[in-house]
Amino acid sequence: MFRQRMLEGTRLRLIVRIEASRNSRVVLLVHRQESLSLPCFSVVRFIGINDSKEVIRAIHLTDPNVPLDIVLHTPGGLVLASL
C-alpha cells in the first residue's frame, strides 16, 4: 500500500509539471491488466465502459479554452470503451 501511494504521488507531481509547462489539462488513464485468483475462479480486469466514462467526464469538466493532453496507458480491453 505504501508503494502504491508513492507511485500515485510521483504520478501526480509529473502531471502537475506537464500541465504547468504546457498550460493544459492532463487526462491520464493508466490501466494494467490485473488478474485476481479466487478459490473458485479467476477474474481479469481490463479497460471497460466505466473507465471510458471517467475519461469523458474529465474532458467535459475541463474548460473548453484549456488544451487537453490525453494519455492512455493500457494493455487493451473492450473496443467499445476505446471508441
PDB file of N, CA and C in Angstrom:
ATOM      1  N   MET A   1       0.828  -1.194   0.000  1.00  0.00           N
ATOM      2  CA  MET A   1       0.000   0.000   0.000  1.00  0.00           C
ATOM      3  C   MET A   1       0.880   1.269   0.000  1.00  0.00           C
ATOM      4  N   PHE A   2       1.966   1.243   0.756  1.00  0.00           N
ATOM      5  CA  PHE A   2       2.879   2.389   0.794  1.00  0.00           C
ATOM      6  C   PHE A   2       3.477   2.641  -0.582  1.00  0.00           C
ATOM      7  N   ARG A   3       3.879   1.571  -1.249  1.00  0.00           N
ATOM      8  CA  ARG A   3       4.467   1.699  -2.590  1.00  0.00           C
ATOM      9  C   ARG A   3       3.468   2.300  -3.574  1.00  0.00           C
ATOM     10  N   GLN A   4       2.210   1.886  -3.475  1.00  0.00           N
ATOM     11  CA  GLN A   4       1.160   2.415  -4.355  1.00  0.00           C
ATOM     12  C   GLN A   4       0.970   3.916  -4.124  1.00  0.00           C
ATOM     13  N   ARG A   5       0.985   4.337  -2.874  1.00  0.00           N
ATOM     14  CA  ARG A   5       0.831   5.770  -2.566  1.00  0.00           C
ATOM     15  C   ARG A   5       2.017   6.588  -3.076  1.00  0.00           C
ATOM     16  N   MET A   6       3.203   6.032  -2.975  1.00  0.00           N
ATOM     17  CA  MET A   6       4.388   6.717  -3.503  1.00  0.00           C
ATOM     18  C   MET A   6       4.282   6.869  -5.022  1.00  0.00           C
ATOM     19  N   LEU A   7       3.843   5.820  -5.687  1.00  0.00           N
ATOM     20  CA  LEU A   7       3.672   5.864  -7.134  1.00  0.00           C
ATOM     21  C   LEU A   7       2.635   6.914  -7.531  1.00  0.00           C
ATOM     22  N   GLU A   8       1.519   6.948  -6.816  1.00  0.00           N
ATOM     23  CA  GLU A   8       0.472   7.932  -7.113  1.00  0.00           C
ATOM     24  C   GLU A   8       0.965   9.353  -6.882  1.00  0.00           C
ATOM     25  N   GLY A   9       1.740   9.566  -5.824  1.00  0.00           N
ATOM     26  CA  GLY A   9       2.290  10.891  -5.553  1.00  0.00           C
ATOM     27  C   GLY A   9       3.253  11.339  -6.639  1.00  0.00           C
ATOM     28  N   THR A  10       4.105  10.430  -7.076  1.00  0.00           N
ATOM     29  CA  THR A  10       5.044  10.732  -8.157  1.00  0.00           C
ATOM     30  C   THR A  10       4.293  11.048  -9.438  1.00  0.00           C
ATOM     31  N   ARG A  11       3.289  10.248  -9.739  1.00  0.00           N
ATOM     32  CA  ARG A  11       2.478  10.461 -10.944  1.00  0.00           C
ATOM     33  C   ARG A  11       1.798  11.834 -10.895  1.00  0.00           C
ATOM     34  N   LEU A  12       1.241  12.197  -9.749  1.00  0.00           N
ATOM     35  CA  LEU A  12       0.564  13.488  -9.608  1.00  0.00           C
ATOM     36  C   LEU A  12       1.532  14.652  -9.795  1.00  0.00           C
ATOM     37  N   ARG A  13       2.727  14.544  -9.228  1.00  0.00           N
ATOM     38  CA  ARG A  13       3.724  15.613  -9.401  1.00  0.00           C
ATOM     39  C   ARG A  13       4.105  15.780 -10.875  1.00  0.00           C
ATOM     40  N   LEU A  14       4.250  14.676 -11.587  1.00  0.00           N
ATOM     41  CA  LEU A  14       4.587  14.753 -13.012  1.00  0.00           C
ATOM     42  C   LEU A  14       3.441  15.365 -13.824  1.00  0.00           C
ATOM     43  N   ILE A  15       2.217  15.018 -13.484  1.00  0.00           N
ATOM     44  CA  ILE A  15       1.059  15.599 -14.175  1.00  0.00           C
ATOM     45  C   ILE A  15       1.028  17.106 -13.969  1.00  0.00           C
ATOM     46  N   VAL A  16       1.258  17.543 -12.746  1.00  0.00           N
ATOM     47  CA  VAL A  16       1.252  18.983 -12.438  1.00  0.00           C
ATOM     48  C   VAL A  16       2.348  19.688 -13.243  1.00  0.00           C
ATOM     49  N   ARG A  17       3.520  19.071 -13.356  1.00  0.00           N
ATOM     50  CA  ARG A  17       4.609  19.671 -14.142  1.00  0.00           C
ATOM     51  C   ARG A  17       4.250  19.775 -15.620  1.00  0.00           C
ATOM     52  N   ILE A  18       3.653  18.736 -16.162  1.00  0.00           N
ATOM     53  CA  ILE A  18       3.252  18.766 -17.578  1.00  0.00           C
ATOM     54  C   ILE A  18       2.206  19.853 -17.803  1.00  0.00           C
ATOM     55  N   GLU A  19       1.202  19.898 -16.926  1.00  0.00           N
ATOM     56  CA  GLU A  19       0.155  20.917 -17.073  1.00  0.00           C
ATOM     57  C   GLU A  19       0.726  22.327 -16.992  1.00  0.00           C
ATOM     58  N   ALA A  20       1.660  22.548 -16.090  1.00  0.00           N
ATOM     59  CA  ALA A  20       2.250  23.878 -15.939  1.00  0.00           C
ATOM     60  C   ALA A  20       3.090  24.255 -17.156  1.00  0.00           C
ATOM     61  N   SER A  21       3.859  23.313 -17.665  1.00  0.00           N
ATOM     62  CA  SER A  21       4.730  23.641 -18.795  1.00  0.00           C
ATOM     63  C   SER A  21       3.964  23.788 -20.100  1.00  0.00           C
ATOM     64  N   ARG A  22       2.837  23.094 -20.239  1.00  0.00           N
ATOM     65  CA  ARG A  22       2.087  23.139 -21.498  1.00  0.00           C
ATOM     66  C   ARG A  22       0.808  23.974 -21.400  1.00  0.00           C
ATOM     67  N   ASN A  23       0.514  24.513 -20.209  1.00  0.00           N
ATOM     68  CA  ASN A  23      -0.734  25.246 -19.991  1.00  0.00           C
ATOM     69  C   ASN A  23      -1.924  24.423 -20.472  1.00  0.00           C
ATOM     70  N   SER A  24      -1.969  23.179 -20.016  1.00  0.00           N
ATOM     71  CA  SER A  24      -3.010  22.257 -20.463  1.00  0.00           C
ATOM     72  C   SER A  24      -3.567  21.491 -19.276  1.00  0.00           C
ATOM     73  N   ARG A  25      -4.540  20.660 -19.564  1.00  0.00           N
ATOM     74  CA  ARG A  25      -5.097  19.726 -18.579  1.00  0.00           C
ATOM     75  C   ARG A  25      -4.715  18.334 -19.034  1.00  0.00           C
ATOM     76  N   VAL A  26      -4.116  17.562 -18.141  1.00  0.00           N
ATOM     77  CA  VAL A  26      -3.744  16.187 -18.454  1.00  0.00           C
ATOM     78  C   VAL A  26      -4.847  15.265 -17.964  1.00  0.00           C
ATOM     79  N   VAL A  27      -5.337  14.447 -18.864  1.00  0.00           N
ATOM     80  CA  VAL A  27      -6.283  13.383 -18.525  1.00  0.00           C
ATOM     81  C   VAL A  27      -5.512  12.086 -18.714  1.00  0.00           C
ATOM     82  N   LEU A  28      -5.365  11.338 -17.638  1.00  0.00           N
ATOM     83  CA  LEU A  28      -4.499  10.160 -17.633  1.00  0.00           C
ATOM     84  C   LEU A  28      -5.296   8.917 -17.268  1.00  0.00           C
ATOM     85  N   LEU A  29      -5.145   7.879 -18.070  1.00  0.00           N
ATOM     86  CA  LEU A  29      -5.723   6.576 -17.745  1.00  0.00           C
ATOM     87  C   LEU A  29      -4.602   5.553 -17.801  1.00  0.00           C
ATOM     88  N   VAL A  30      -4.190   5.086 -16.630  1.00  0.00           N
ATOM     89  CA  VAL A  30      -3.182   4.045 -16.540  1.00  0.00           C
ATOM     90  C   VAL A  30      -3.913   2.804 -16.087  1.00  0.00           C
ATOM     91  N   HIS A  31      -3.838   1.791 -16.901  1.00  0.00           N
ATOM     92  CA  HIS A  31      -4.600   0.584 -16.604  1.00  0.00           C
ATOM     93  C   HIS A  31      -3.754  -0.627 -16.914  1.00  0.00           C
ATOM     94  N   ARG A  32      -3.411  -1.356 -15.891  1.00  0.00           N
ATOM     95  CA  ARG A  32      -2.664  -2.587 -16.079  1.00  0.00           C
ATOM     96  C   ARG A  32      -3.635  -3.746 -16.105  1.00  0.00           C
ATOM     97  N   GLN A  33      -3.310  -4.760 -16.852  1.00  0.00           N
ATOM     98  CA  GLN A  33      -4.144  -5.949 -16.834  1.00  0.00           C
ATOM     99  C   GLN A  33      -3.924  -6.631 -15.501  1.00  0.00           C
ATOM    100  N   GLU A  34      -4.979  -6.771 -14.746  1.00  0.00           N
ATOM    101  CA  GLU A  34      -4.875  -7.334 -13.415  1.00  0.00           C
ATOM    102  C   GLU A  34      -5.642  -8.639 -13.371  1.00  0.00           C
ATOM    103  N   SER A  35      -5.044  -9.635 -12.779  1.00  0.00           N
ATOM    104  CA  SER A  35      -5.778 -10.868 -12.589  1.00  0.00           C
ATOM    105  C   SER A  35      -5.872 -11.142 -11.098  1.00  0.00           C
ATOM    106  N   LEU A  36      -7.011 -11.598 -10.678  1.00  0.00           N
ATOM    107  CA  LEU A  36      -7.267 -11.890  -9.280  1.00  0.00           C
ATOM    108  C   LEU A  36      -7.747 -13.329  -9.226  1.00  0.00           C
ATOM    109  N   SER A  37      -7.037 -14.146  -8.506  1.00  0.00           N
ATOM    110  CA  SER A  37      -7.436 -15.547  -8.404  1.00  0.00           C
ATOM    111  C   SER A  37      -8.184 -15.762  -7.104  1.00  0.00           C
ATOM    112  N   LEU A  38      -9.398 -16.195  -7.241  1.00  0.00           N
ATOM    113  CA  LEU A  38     -10.213 -16.567  -6.097  1.00  0.00           C
ATOM    114  C   LEU A  38     -10.280 -18.091  -6.065  1.00  0.00           C
ATOM    115  N   PRO A  39     -10.668 -18.667  -4.947  1.00  0.00           N
ATOM    116  CA  PRO A  39     -10.660 -20.129  -4.864  1.00  0.00           C
ATOM    117  C   PRO A  39     -11.432 -20.833  -5.991  1.00  0.00           C
ATOM    118  N   CYS A  40     -12.504 -20.245  -6.460  1.00  0.00           N
ATOM    119  CA  CYS A  40     -13.353 -20.925  -7.445  1.00  0.00           C
ATOM    120  C   CYS A  40     -13.109 -20.480  -8.888  1.00  0.00           C
ATOM    121  N   PHE A  41     -12.593 -19.268  -9.089  1.00  0.00           N
ATOM    122  CA  PHE A  41     -12.446 -18.758 -10.452  1.00  0.00           C
ATOM    123  C   PHE A  41     -11.425 -17.637 -10.501  1.00  0.00           C
ATOM    124  N   SER A  42     -11.061 -17.266 -11.703  1.00  0.00           N
ATOM    125  CA  SER A  42     -10.105 -16.189 -11.940  1.00  0.00           C
ATOM    126  C   SER A  42     -10.834 -14.989 -12.523  1.00  0.00           C
ATOM    127  N   VAL A  43     -10.478 -13.794 -12.080  1.00  0.00           N
ATOM    128  CA  VAL A  43     -11.079 -12.565 -12.582  1.00  0.00           C
ATOM    129  C   VAL A  43      -9.974 -11.763 -13.263  1.00  0.00           C
ATOM    130  N   VAL A  44     -10.209 -11.321 -14.493  1.00  0.00           N
ATOM    131  CA  VAL A  44      -9.242 -10.500 -15.211  1.00  0.00           C
ATOM    132  C   VAL A  44      -9.891  -9.157 -15.490  1.00  0.00           C
ATOM    133  N   ARG A  45      -9.198  -8.057 -15.120  1.00  0.00           N
ATOM    134  CA  ARG A  45      -9.722  -6.707 -15.363  1.00  0.00           C
ATOM    135  C   ARG A  45      -8.990  -6.070 -16.518  1.00  0.00           C
ATOM    136  N   PHE A  46      -9.729  -5.321 -17.309  1.00  0.00           N
ATOM    137  CA  PHE A  46      -9.144  -4.570 -18.409  1.00  0.00           C
ATOM    138  C   PHE A  46      -9.997  -3.345 -18.614  1.00  0.00           C
ATOM    139  N   ILE A  47      -9.579  -2.472 -19.531  1.00  0.00           N
ATOM    140  CA  ILE A  47     -10.325  -1.234 -19.757  1.00  0.00           C
ATOM    141  C   ILE A  47     -11.769  -1.562 -20.132  1.00  0.00           C
ATOM    142  N   GLY A  48     -12.677  -0.857 -19.503  1.00  0.00           N
ATOM    143  CA  GLY A  48     -14.092  -1.103 -19.736  1.00  0.00           C
ATOM    144  C   GLY A  48     -14.861   0.200 -19.889  1.00  0.00           C
ATOM    145  N   ILE A  49     -16.155   0.075 -19.942  1.00  0.00           N
ATOM    146  CA  ILE A  49     -17.038   1.230 -20.150  1.00  0.00           C
ATOM    147  C   ILE A  49     -16.885   2.251 -19.022  1.00  0.00           C
ATOM    148  N   ASN A  50     -16.771   1.809 -17.774  1.00  0.00           N
ATOM    149  CA  ASN A  50     -16.632   2.761 -16.664  1.00  0.00           C
ATOM    150  C   ASN A  50     -15.358   3.586 -16.786  1.00  0.00           C
ATOM    151  N   ASP A  51     -14.282   2.967 -17.269  1.00  0.00           N
ATOM    152  CA  ASP A  51     -13.042   3.713 -17.476  1.00  0.00           C
ATOM    153  C   ASP A  51     -13.233   4.809 -18.518  1.00  0.00           C
ATOM    154  N   SER A  52     -13.875   4.456 -19.620  1.00  0.00           N
ATOM    155  CA  SER A  52     -14.084   5.453 -20.676  1.00  0.00           C
ATOM    156  C   SER A  52     -15.016   6.559 -20.199  1.00  0.00           C
ATOM    157  N   LYS A  53     -15.995   6.224 -19.371  1.00  0.00           N
ATOM    158  CA  LYS A  53     -16.900   7.246 -18.827  1.00  0.00           C
ATOM    159  C   LYS A  53     -16.138   8.240 -17.954  1.00  0.00           C
ATOM    160  N   GLU A  54     -15.168   7.755 -17.186  1.00  0.00           N
ATOM    161  CA  GLU A  54     -14.364   8.646 -16.344  1.00  0.00           C
ATOM    162  C   GLU A  54     -13.503   9.586 -17.179  1.00  0.00           C
ATOM    163  N   VAL A  55     -12.948   9.093 -18.275  1.00  0.00           N
ATOM    164  CA  VAL A  55     -12.150   9.944 -19.169  1.00  0.00           C
ATOM    165  C   VAL A  55     -13.045  11.009 -19.792  1.00  0.00           C
ATOM    166  N   ILE A  56     -14.210  10.611 -20.263  1.00  0.00           N
ATOM    167  CA  ILE A  56     -15.150  11.572 -20.884  1.00  0.00           C
ATOM    168  C   ILE A  56     -15.598  12.614 -19.851  1.00  0.00           C
ATOM    169  N   ARG A  57     -15.825  12.176 -18.613  1.00  0.00           N
ATOM    170  CA  ARG A  57     -16.235  13.107 -17.546  1.00  0.00           C
ATOM    171  C   ARG A  57     -15.134  14.139 -17.307  1.00  0.00           C
ATOM    172  N   ALA A  58     -13.880  13.689 -17.254  1.00  0.00           N
ATOM    173  CA  ALA A  58     -12.759  14.613 -17.043  1.00  0.00           C
ATOM    174  C   ALA A  58     -12.658  15.615 -18.185  1.00  0.00           C
ATOM    175  N   ILE A  59     -12.898  15.148 -19.398  1.00  0.00           N
ATOM    176  CA  ILE A  59     -12.862  16.042 -20.567  1.00  0.00           C
ATOM    177  C   ILE A  59     -13.965  17.089 -20.459  1.00  0.00           C
ATOM    178  N   HIS A  60     -15.171  16.667 -20.100  1.00  0.00           N
ATOM    179  CA  HIS A  60     -16.296  17.606 -20.004  1.00  0.00           C
ATOM    180  C   HIS A  60     -16.136  18.597 -18.851  1.00  0.00           C
ATOM    181  N   LEU A  61     -15.402  18.219 -17.808  1.00  0.00           N
ATOM    182  CA  LEU A  61     -15.189  19.120 -16.674  1.00  0.00           C
ATOM    183  C   LEU A  61     -14.080  20.142 -16.939  1.00  0.00           C
ATOM    184  N   THR A  62     -13.396  19.990 -18.047  1.00  0.00           N
ATOM    185  CA  THR A  62     -12.309  20.899 -18.405  1.00  0.00           C
ATOM    186  C   THR A  62     -12.861  22.089 -19.188  1.00  0.00           C
ATOM    187  N   ASP A  63     -12.390  23.263 -18.844  1.00  0.00           N
ATOM    188  CA  ASP A  63     -12.784  24.479 -19.557  1.00  0.00           C
ATOM    189  C   ASP A  63     -12.493  24.297 -21.053  1.00  0.00           C
ATOM    190  N   PRO A  64     -13.458  24.636 -21.922  1.00  0.00           N
ATOM    191  CA  PRO A  64     -13.251  24.452 -23.364  1.00  0.00           C
ATOM    192  C   PRO A  64     -12.051  25.217 -23.935  1.00  0.00           C
ATOM    193  N   ASN A  65     -11.595  26.250 -23.234  1.00  0.00           N
ATOM    194  CA  ASN A  65     -10.456  27.026 -23.710  1.00  0.00           C
ATOM    195  C   ASN A  65      -9.108  26.464 -23.267  1.00  0.00           C
ATOM    196  N   VAL A  66      -9.132  25.381 -22.485  1.00  0.00           N
ATOM    197  CA  VAL A  66      -7.889  24.769 -21.993  1.00  0.00           C
ATOM    198  C   VAL A  66      -7.558  23.561 -22.870  1.00  0.00           C
ATOM    199  N   PRO A  67      -6.346  23.527 -23.429  1.00  0.00           N
ATOM    200  CA  PRO A  67      -5.950  22.364 -24.244  1.00  0.00           C
ATOM    201  C   PRO A  67      -5.901  21.096 -23.389  1.00  0.00           C
ATOM    202  N   LEU A  68      -6.153  19.974 -24.021  1.00  0.00           N
ATOM    203  CA  LEU A  68      -6.120  18.678 -23.345  1.00  0.00           C
ATOM    204  C   LEU A  68      -4.916  17.864 -23.799  1.00  0.00           C
ATOM    205  N   ASP A  69      -4.283  17.218 -22.856  1.00  0.00           N
ATOM    206  CA  ASP A  69      -3.280  16.201 -23.135  1.00  0.00           C
ATOM    207  C   ASP A  69      -3.863  14.904 -22.586  1.00  0.00           C
ATOM    208  N   ILE A  70      -4.207  13.989 -23.461  1.00  0.00           N
ATOM    209  CA  ILE A  70      -4.807  12.728 -23.043  1.00  0.00           C
ATOM    210  C   ILE A  70      -3.753  11.634 -23.160  1.00  0.00           C
ATOM    211  N   VAL A  71      -3.524  10.939 -22.050  1.00  0.00           N
ATOM    212  CA  VAL A  71      -2.542   9.867 -22.005  1.00  0.00           C
ATOM    213  C   VAL A  71      -3.273   8.583 -21.614  1.00  0.00           C
ATOM    214  N   LEU A  72      -3.231   7.605 -22.514  1.00  0.00           N
ATOM    215  CA  LEU A  72      -3.823   6.296 -22.236  1.00  0.00           C
ATOM    216  C   LEU A  72      -2.698   5.270 -22.216  1.00  0.00           C
ATOM    217  N   HIS A  73      -2.561   4.602 -21.105  1.00  0.00           N
ATOM    218  CA  HIS A  73      -1.567   3.532 -20.984  1.00  0.00           C
ATOM    219  C   HIS A  73      -2.334   2.291 -20.551  1.00  0.00           C
ATOM    220  N   THR A  74      -2.623   1.436 -21.508  1.00  0.00           N
ATOM    221  CA  THR A  74      -3.479   0.299 -21.238  1.00  0.00           C
ATOM    222  C   THR A  74      -3.101  -0.888 -22.113  1.00  0.00           C
ATOM    223  N   PRO A  75      -3.268  -2.094 -21.598  1.00  0.00           N
ATOM    224  CA  PRO A  75      -2.991  -3.270 -22.410  1.00  0.00           C
ATOM    225  C   PRO A  75      -4.124  -3.591 -23.374  1.00  0.00           C
ATOM    226  N   GLY A  76      -5.187  -2.837 -23.312  1.00  0.00           N
ATOM    227  CA  GLY A  76      -6.327  -3.089 -24.216  1.00  0.00           C
ATOM    228  C   GLY A  76      -7.580  -3.368 -23.412  1.00  0.00           C
ATOM    229  N   GLY A  77      -8.560  -3.871 -24.101  1.00  0.00           N
ATOM    230  CA  GLY A  77      -9.822  -4.165 -23.443  1.00  0.00           C
ATOM    231  C   GLY A  77     -10.943  -4.158 -24.445  1.00  0.00           C
ATOM    232  N   LEU A  78     -12.069  -3.628 -24.035  1.00  0.00           N
ATOM    233  CA  LEU A  78     -13.245  -3.614 -24.888  1.00  0.00           C
ATOM    234  C   LEU A  78     -13.108  -2.558 -25.985  1.00  0.00           C
ATOM    235  N   VAL A  79     -13.380  -2.921 -27.197  1.00  0.00           N
ATOM    236  CA  VAL A  79     -13.279  -1.988 -28.330  1.00  0.00           C
ATOM    237  C   VAL A  79     -14.252  -0.829 -28.128  1.00  0.00           C
ATOM    238  N   LEU A  80     -15.443  -1.111 -27.649  1.00  0.00           N
ATOM    239  CA  LEU A  80     -16.445  -0.067 -27.418  1.00  0.00           C
ATOM    240  C   LEU A  80     -15.922   0.983 -26.443  1.00  0.00           C
ATOM    241  N   ALA A  81     -15.222   0.572 -25.398  1.00  0.00           N
ATOM    242  CA  ALA A  81     -14.682   1.503 -24.415  1.00  0.00           C
ATOM    243  C   ALA A  81     -13.642   2.423 -25.040  1.00  0.00           C
ATOM    244  N   SER A  82     -12.812   1.882 -25.916  1.00  0.00           N
ATOM    245  CA  SER A  82     -11.787   2.730 -26.542  1.00  0.00           C
ATOM    246  C   SER A  82     -12.382   3.714 -27.531  1.00  0.00           C
ATOM    247  N   LEU A  83     -13.458   3.331 -28.181  1.00  0.00           N
ATOM    248  CA  LEU A  83     -14.112   4.270 -29.096  1.00  0.00           C
ATOM    249  C   LEU A  83     -14.677   5.434 -28.342  1.00  0.00           C
TER     250      LEU A  83
END
